[in-house]
């Protein structure tokens, strides 16, 4: 049997092409949706809620990304993020809203500990299909390499002067 020409595509191949096109369309739509995540140590500790919210809203507006909702927690950043109520609700919203982005002001808003930051970025991408975008660091977690950059930026944020680790690339 000869190889099929473009005009001889089987029904199976047509269905497969339609599914691929739908996945691409869904991925393109998800890339334009985001949820924000804010974590503060206390009501007054920098960066405060208002500062983080303004940064997230500005980033989304400047990048033509629809912000679905902002979630927040008031706690220290050293523990497992999955144990936080706001973070858990944010994960659920990623799935239900098919958002493709989690926007944070800085990487340490997810966690101040490198292993937790890296694991969280990988989990959000692998389970929720979302990239974490750190505004101040200019990092988007698209691979294990960028997860490592994100983890480094998160842990370095706790000791490096502001501006010392921006745009880690």
C-alpha atoms as a PDB file:
ATOM      1  CA  UNK A   1       0.000   0.000   0.000  1.00  0.00           C
ATOM      2  CA  UNK A   2       1.309   3.429  -0.930  1.00  0.00           C
ATOM      3  CA  UNK A   3       1.892   6.122   1.664  1.00  0.00           C
ATOM      4  CA  UNK A   4      -1.174   8.331   1.991  1.00  0.00           C
ATOM      5  CA  UNK A   5      -1.007  11.667   0.251  1.00  0.00           C
ATOM      6  CA  UNK A   6      -2.348  14.714   2.069  1.00  0.00           C
ATOM      7  CA  UNK A   7      -5.697  14.004   0.424  1.00  0.00           C
ATOM      8  CA  UNK A   8      -5.821  10.435   1.773  1.00  0.00           C
ATOM      9  CA  UNK A   9      -5.814  11.014   5.535  1.00  0.00           C
ATOM     10  CA  UNK A  10      -7.658   8.343   7.484  1.00  0.00           C
ATOM     11  CA  UNK A  11     -10.559   9.075   9.821  1.00  0.00           C
ATOM     12  CA  UNK A  12      -8.289   8.150  12.739  1.00  0.00           C
ATOM     13  CA  UNK A  13      -5.673  10.679  11.617  1.00  0.00           C
ATOM     14  CA  UNK A  14      -8.350  13.355  11.198  1.00  0.00           C
ATOM     15  CA  UNK A  15      -9.636  12.731  14.743  1.00  0.00           C
ATOM     16  CA  UNK A  16      -6.097  12.865  16.085  1.00  0.00           C
ATOM     17  CA  UNK A  17      -5.432  16.155  14.276  1.00  0.00           C
ATOM     18  CA  UNK A  18      -8.660  17.624  15.684  1.00  0.00           C
ATOM     19  CA  UNK A  19      -7.659  16.588  19.215  1.00  0.00           C
ATOM     20  CA  UNK A  20      -4.217  18.158  18.772  1.00  0.00           C
ATOM     21  CA  UNK A  21      -5.770  21.372  17.464  1.00  0.00           C
ATOM     22  CA  UNK A  22      -8.149  21.478  20.448  1.00  0.00           C
ATOM     23  CA  UNK A  23      -5.258  20.931  22.889  1.00  0.00           C
ATOM     24  CA  UNK A  24      -3.322  23.771  21.254  1.00  0.00           C
ATOM     25  CA  UNK A  25      -6.368  26.043  21.391  1.00  0.00           C
ATOM     26  CA  UNK A  26      -6.928  25.136  25.067  1.00  0.00           C
ATOM     27  CA  UNK A  27      -3.248  25.777  25.854  1.00  0.00           C
ATOM     28  CA  UNK A  28      -3.365  29.150  24.079  1.00  0.00           C
ATOM     29  CA  UNK A  29      -6.473  30.107  26.073  1.00  0.00           C
ATOM     30  CA  UNK A  30      -4.895  28.951  29.362  1.00  0.00           C
ATOM     31  CA  UNK A  31      -1.805  31.067  28.648  1.00  0.00           C
ATOM     32  CA  UNK A  32      -4.034  34.149  28.781  1.00  0.00           C
ATOM     33  CA  UNK A  33      -5.530  33.294  32.206  1.00  0.00           C
ATOM     34  CA  UNK A  34      -3.813  33.700  35.566  1.00  0.00           C
ATOM     35  CA  UNK A  35      -4.360  33.450  39.270  1.00  0.00           C
ATOM     36  CA  UNK A  36      -2.326  35.562  41.653  1.00  0.00           C
ATOM     37  CA  UNK A  37      -0.798  34.436  44.910  1.00  0.00           C
ATOM     38  CA  UNK A  38       0.159  36.726  47.783  1.00  0.00           C
ATOM     39  CA  UNK A  39       1.929  35.711  50.969  1.00  0.00           C
ATOM     40  CA  UNK A  40       2.755  38.101  53.765  1.00  0.00           C
ATOM     41  CA  UNK A  41       4.482  37.333  57.054  1.00  0.00           C
ATOM     42  CA  UNK A  42       2.230  39.817  58.849  1.00  0.00           C
ATOM     43  CA  UNK A  43      -0.164  42.596  57.927  1.00  0.00           C
ATOM     44  CA  UNK A  44       2.663  45.156  57.944  1.00  0.00           C
ATOM     45  CA  UNK A  45       5.729  43.222  56.759  1.00  0.00           C
ATOM     46  CA  UNK A  46       7.150  44.072  53.334  1.00  0.00           C
ATOM     47  CA  UNK A  47       6.145  43.399  50.691  1.00  0.00           C
ATOM     48  CA  UNK A  48       2.686  44.099  52.037  1.00  0.00           C
ATOM     49  CA  UNK A  49      -0.570  42.849  50.545  1.00  0.00           C
ATOM     50  CA  UNK A  50      -1.353  46.071  48.657  1.00  0.00           C
ATOM     51  CA  UNK A  51       2.128  46.217  47.106  1.00  0.00           C
ATOM     52  CA  UNK A  52       1.931  42.596  45.937  1.00  0.00           C
ATOM     53  CA  UNK A  53      -1.627  42.981  44.635  1.00  0.00           C
ATOM     54  CA  UNK A  54      -0.728  46.121  42.667  1.00  0.00           C
ATOM     55  CA  UNK A  55       2.291  44.374  41.128  1.00  0.00           C
ATOM     56  CA  UNK A  56       0.256  41.323  40.105  1.00  0.00           C
ATOM     57  CA  UNK A  57      -2.566  43.405  38.609  1.00  0.00           C
ATOM     58  CA  UNK A  58      -0.110  45.619  36.697  1.00  0.00           C
ATOM     59  CA  UNK A  59       1.805  42.613  35.342  1.00  0.00           C
ATOM     60  CA  UNK A  60      -1.409  40.986  34.098  1.00  0.00           C
ATOM     61  CA  UNK A  61      -2.680  44.212  32.514  1.00  0.00           C
ATOM     62  CA  UNK A  62       0.678  44.926  30.834  1.00  0.00           C
ATOM     63  CA  UNK A  63       0.888  41.377  29.446  1.00  0.00           C
ATOM     64  CA  UNK A  64      -2.740  41.023  28.295  1.00  0.00           C
ATOM     65  CA  UNK A  65      -3.418  38.249  30.810  1.00  0.00           C
ATOM     66  CA  UNK A  66      -6.850  37.949  32.459  1.00  0.00           C
ATOM     67  CA  UNK A  67      -6.542  37.724  36.225  1.00  0.00           C
ATOM     68  CA  UNK A  68      -9.129  35.223  37.480  1.00  0.00           C
ATOM     69  CA  UNK A  69      -8.572  35.732  41.216  1.00  0.00           C
ATOM     70  CA  UNK A  70      -5.916  36.517  43.798  1.00  0.00           C
ATOM     71  CA  UNK A  71      -5.352  34.139  46.716  1.00  0.00           C
ATOM     72  CA  UNK A  72      -3.425  34.951  49.864  1.00  0.00           C
ATOM     73  CA  UNK A  73      -1.984  33.639  53.110  1.00  0.00           C
ATOM     74  CA  UNK A  74      -0.524  35.361  56.167  1.00  0.00           C
ATOM     75  CA  UNK A  75       2.267  33.080  57.412  1.00  0.00           C
ATOM     76  CA  UNK A  76       6.012  32.615  57.315  1.00  0.00           C
ATOM     77  CA  UNK A  77       7.409  31.232  54.080  1.00  0.00           C
ATOM     78  CA  UNK A  78       9.432  28.338  55.429  1.00  0.00           C
ATOM     79  CA  UNK A  79       6.903  25.506  55.494  1.00  0.00           C
ATOM     80  CA  UNK A  80       5.164  23.383  52.900  1.00  0.00           C
ATOM     81  CA  UNK A  81       3.030  25.716  50.747  1.00  0.00           C
ATOM     82  CA  UNK A  82       0.431  22.950  50.265  1.00  0.00           C
ATOM     83  CA  UNK A  83      -0.431  23.248  53.971  1.00  0.00           C
ATOM     84  CA  UNK A  84      -1.634  26.842  53.531  1.00  0.00           C
ATOM     85  CA  UNK A  85      -5.372  27.410  52.963  1.00  0.00           C
ATOM     86  CA  UNK A  86      -4.957  30.193  50.383  1.00  0.00           C
ATOM     87  CA  UNK A  87      -2.346  28.248  48.436  1.00  0.00           C
ATOM     88  CA  UNK A  88      -4.592  25.155  48.430  1.00  0.00           C
ATOM     89  CA  UNK A  89      -7.559  27.175  47.132  1.00  0.00           C
ATOM     90  CA  UNK A  90      -5.300  28.650  44.453  1.00  0.00           C
ATOM     91  CA  UNK A  91      -4.307  25.149  43.279  1.00  0.00           C
ATOM     92  CA  UNK A  92      -7.969  24.156  43.046  1.00  0.00           C
ATOM     93  CA  UNK A  93      -8.772  27.318  41.073  1.00  0.00           C
ATOM     94  CA  UNK A  94      -6.032  26.545  38.552  1.00  0.00           C
ATOM     95  CA  UNK A  95      -7.784  23.344  37.601  1.00  0.00           C
ATOM     96  CA  UNK A  96     -11.359  24.653  37.658  1.00  0.00           C
ATOM     97  CA  UNK A  97     -10.519  27.823  35.704  1.00  0.00           C
ATOM     98  CA  UNK A  98      -7.937  26.208  33.404  1.00  0.00           C
ATOM     99  CA  UNK A  99      -5.549  29.072  34.131  1.00  0.00           C
ATOM    100  CA  UNK A 100      -2.054  28.644  32.755  1.00  0.00           C
ATOM    101  CA  UNK A 101      -0.223  31.047  35.070  1.00  0.00           C
ATOM    102  CA  UNK A 102       0.389  31.667  38.747  1.00  0.00           C
ATOM    103  CA  UNK A 103       1.670  35.216  39.153  1.00  0.00           C
ATOM    104  CA  UNK A 104       3.683  36.186  42.236  1.00  0.00           C
ATOM    105  CA  UNK A 105       5.567  39.387  42.981  1.00  0.00           C
ATOM    106  CA  UNK A 106       8.688  37.458  44.041  1.00  0.00           C
ATOM    107  CA  UNK A 107       9.670  33.803  44.062  1.00  0.00           C
ATOM    108  CA  UNK A 108       9.842  33.735  47.866  1.00  0.00           C
ATOM    109  CA  UNK A 109       6.095  34.369  48.062  1.00  0.00           C
ATOM    110  CA  UNK A 110       5.613  30.665  47.251  1.00  0.00           C
ATOM    111  CA  UNK A 111       8.330  29.542  49.664  1.00  0.00           C
ATOM    112  CA  UNK A 112      11.547  30.885  51.149  1.00  0.00           C
ATOM    113  CA  UNK A 113      13.072  27.402  51.023  1.00  0.00           C
ATOM    114  CA  UNK A 114      14.647  26.290  47.757  1.00  0.00           C
ATOM    115  CA  UNK A 115      13.368  22.674  47.832  1.00  0.00           C
ATOM    116  CA  UNK A 116       9.772  23.758  48.542  1.00  0.00           C
ATOM    117  CA  UNK A 117       9.883  26.490  45.891  1.00  0.00           C
ATOM    118  CA  UNK A 118      11.229  24.099  43.248  1.00  0.00           C
ATOM    119  CA  UNK A 119       8.812  21.309  44.157  1.00  0.00           C
ATOM    120  CA  UNK A 120       5.867  23.710  44.169  1.00  0.00           C
ATOM    121  CA  UNK A 121       6.769  25.131  40.753  1.00  0.00           C
ATOM    122  CA  UNK A 122       7.095  21.618  39.302  1.00  0.00           C
ATOM    123  CA  UNK A 123       3.833  20.459  40.897  1.00  0.00           C
ATOM    124  CA  UNK A 124       1.871  23.487  39.657  1.00  0.00           C
ATOM    125  CA  UNK A 125       3.164  22.870  36.136  1.00  0.00           C
ATOM    126  CA  UNK A 126       2.804  19.078  36.148  1.00  0.00           C
ATOM    127  CA  UNK A 127      -0.523  18.758  37.987  1.00  0.00           C
ATOM    128  CA  UNK A 128      -2.167  22.082  37.217  1.00  0.00           C
ATOM    129  CA  UNK A 129      -0.608  22.823  33.844  1.00  0.00           C
ATOM    130  CA  UNK A 130       0.467  26.281  35.052  1.00  0.00           C
ATOM    131  CA  UNK A 131       3.715  28.200  34.940  1.00  0.00           C
ATOM    132  CA  UNK A 132       4.760  30.282  37.940  1.00  0.00           C
ATOM    133  CA  UNK A 133       5.776  33.805  36.942  1.00  0.00           C
ATOM    134  CA  UNK A 134       7.931  35.772  39.365  1.00  0.00           C
ATOM    135  CA  UNK A 135       7.539  39.425  38.389  1.00  0.00           C
ATOM    136  CA  UNK A 136      10.596  40.863  40.143  1.00  0.00           C
ATOM    137  CA  UNK A 137      12.915  38.021  39.120  1.00  0.00           C
ATOM    138  CA  UNK A 138      11.694  37.699  35.537  1.00  0.00           C
ATOM    139  CA  UNK A 139      11.475  33.912  35.873  1.00  0.00           C
ATOM    140  CA  UNK A 140       8.866  31.638  34.281  1.00  0.00           C
ATOM    141  CA  UNK A 141       8.982  27.997  35.458  1.00  0.00           C
ATOM    142  CA  UNK A 142       8.792  26.056  32.193  1.00  0.00           C
ATOM    143  CA  UNK A 143      11.348  23.313  32.943  1.00  0.00           C
ATOM    144  CA  UNK A 144      13.479  21.779  35.679  1.00  0.00           C
ATOM    145  CA  UNK A 145      16.179  24.341  34.887  1.00  0.00           C
ATOM    146  CA  UNK A 146      13.838  27.268  35.473  1.00  0.00           C
ATOM    147  CA  UNK A 147      12.455  25.502  38.563  1.00  0.00           C
ATOM    148  CA  UNK A 148      16.016  25.561  39.911  1.00  0.00           C
ATOM    149  CA  UNK A 149      16.372  29.278  39.111  1.00  0.00           C
ATOM    150  CA  UNK A 150      13.036  29.877  40.828  1.00  0.00           C
ATOM    151  CA  UNK A 151      14.146  27.911  43.892  1.00  0.00           C
ATOM    152  CA  UNK A 152      17.436  29.783  44.049  1.00  0.00           C
ATOM    153  CA  UNK A 153      15.675  33.139  43.709  1.00  0.00           C
ATOM    154  CA  UNK A 154      13.211  32.169  46.447  1.00  0.00           C
ATOM    155  CA  UNK A 155      15.919  31.236  48.923  1.00  0.00           C
ATOM    156  CA  UNK A 156      18.173  34.141  47.936  1.00  0.00           C
ATOM    157  CA  UNK A 157      15.344  36.648  48.415  1.00  0.00           C
ATOM    158  CA  UNK A 158      15.599  36.154  52.139  1.00  0.00           C
ATOM    159  CA  UNK A 159      19.214  37.304  52.341  1.00  0.00           C
ATOM    160  CA  UNK A 160      20.100  39.225  49.157  1.00  0.00           C
ATOM    161  CA  UNK A 161      19.524  42.973  49.011  1.00  0.00           C
ATOM    162  CA  UNK A 162      16.615  43.959  46.775  1.00  0.00           C
ATOM    163  CA  UNK A 163      17.716  44.139  43.167  1.00  0.00           C
ATOM    164  CA  UNK A 164      20.691  41.784  43.557  1.00  0.00           C
ATOM    165  CA  UNK A 165      18.952  38.754  42.044  1.00  0.00           C
ATOM    166  CA  UNK A 166      16.544  40.287  39.575  1.00  0.00           C
ATOM    167  CA  UNK A 167      16.432  38.812  36.074  1.00  0.00           C
ATOM    168  CA  UNK A 168      18.238  35.570  36.862  1.00  0.00           C
ATOM    169  CA  UNK A 169      18.801  34.174  33.380  1.00  0.00           C
END
